[in-house]
Amino acid sequence: MSNPIDDVPIRDSMIRLGQLLKLSNLVEDGVEAAELIKNGLVKVNGEIEDRRGRQLHNGDSVSVNGQTVRVVAPKAD
């Protein structure tokens, strides 16, 4: 059985991976985010991501420790 995916609304059209991890409470701080990413424990859209500055956009999903969140950006005018 798969875990539910939580939507994480963002203010702009893009957010960086490290920021999303903190915003979604998947990590407590940037140091923890960097460690998880460095150790290959973070997946973006199902693929291991090693760049903390990776840009995420509407619909991208991020998985860490069995939890998955999806980026929800505001609709463009």
Protein backbone atom coordinates (compact mmCIF):
# COMPACT_ATOMS: atom_id res chain seq x y z
CA MET A 1 0.00 0.00 0.00
CA SER A 2 1.38 3.38 -0.94
CA ASN A 3 1.57 6.34 1.40
CA PRO A 4 -0.66 9.34 0.74
CA ILE A 5 0.84 12.33 -1.05
CA ASP A 6 0.53 15.67 0.73
CA ASP A 7 0.18 18.82 -1.35
CA VAL A 8 2.51 21.68 -0.36
CA PRO A 9 1.36 25.08 -1.66
CA ILE A 10 4.12 27.52 -2.61
CA ARG A 11 3.89 31.28 -3.22
CA ASP A 12 5.83 31.48 -6.47
CA SER A 13 6.07 29.34 -9.59
CA MET A 14 9.27 27.65 -8.33
CA ILE A 15 10.92 26.50 -5.09
CA ARG A 16 14.32 24.95 -4.48
CA LEU A 17 14.53 21.41 -3.11
CA GLY A 18 16.17 22.38 0.19
CA GLN A 19 13.50 25.02 0.80
CA LEU A 20 10.67 22.58 0.04
CA LEU A 21 12.06 19.99 2.42
CA LYS A 22 11.96 22.58 5.22
CA LEU A 23 8.59 24.08 4.21
CA SER A 24 6.94 20.65 4.16
CA ASN A 25 8.49 19.70 7.53
CA LEU A 26 10.27 16.69 6.02
CA VAL A 27 13.45 18.04 7.66
CA GLU A 28 14.08 20.37 10.59
CA ASP A 29 16.78 22.49 8.98
CA GLY A 30 19.05 23.00 6.02
CA VAL A 31 21.81 20.86 7.51
CA GLU A 32 19.49 17.85 7.71
CA ALA A 33 18.27 18.53 4.16
CA ALA A 34 21.84 18.65 2.87
CA GLU A 35 22.75 15.38 4.61
CA LEU A 36 19.73 13.51 3.24
CA ILE A 37 20.35 14.80 -0.28
CA LYS A 38 24.10 14.04 -0.10
CA ASN A 39 23.35 10.47 1.02
CA GLY A 40 20.95 9.82 -1.87
CA LEU A 41 17.86 9.59 0.31
CA VAL A 42 15.77 12.21 -1.52
CA LYS A 43 13.85 11.43 -4.70
CA VAL A 44 12.30 13.97 -7.07
CA ASN A 45 9.68 12.55 -9.40
CA GLY A 46 10.90 9.04 -8.53
CA GLU A 47 14.60 9.69 -9.26
CA ILE A 48 17.37 10.21 -6.70
CA GLU A 49 18.31 13.90 -6.62
CA ASP A 50 21.72 15.12 -5.42
CA ARG A 51 21.27 18.87 -5.95
CA ARG A 52 19.91 20.82 -3.00
CA GLY A 53 19.26 23.78 -5.31
CA ARG A 54 17.18 21.75 -7.78
CA GLN A 55 14.26 23.86 -8.98
CA LEU A 56 10.85 22.34 -8.37
CA HIS A 57 7.69 23.39 -10.15
CA ASN A 58 3.96 22.71 -9.95
CA GLY A 59 3.25 18.97 -9.88
CA ASP A 60 6.77 17.82 -8.94
CA SER A 61 6.84 15.22 -6.18
CA VAL A 62 9.52 14.76 -3.52
CA SER A 63 9.96 11.61 -1.41
CA VAL A 64 11.99 11.23 1.79
CA ASN A 65 11.83 8.47 4.40
CA GLY A 66 8.60 7.02 3.00
CA GLN A 67 6.83 10.39 2.90
CA THR A 68 5.90 12.08 -0.37
CA VAL A 69 4.84 15.67 -1.00
CA ARG A 70 3.73 17.38 -4.21
CA VAL A 71 4.45 20.99 -5.16
CA VAL A 72 1.35 23.10 -5.79
CA ALA A 73 2.17 26.46 -7.34
CA PRO A 74 -0.32 29.30 -7.85
CA LYS A 75 -2.14 29.34 -11.16
CA ALA A 76 -0.58 31.66 -13.74
CA ASP A 77 -2.76 34.60 -14.77
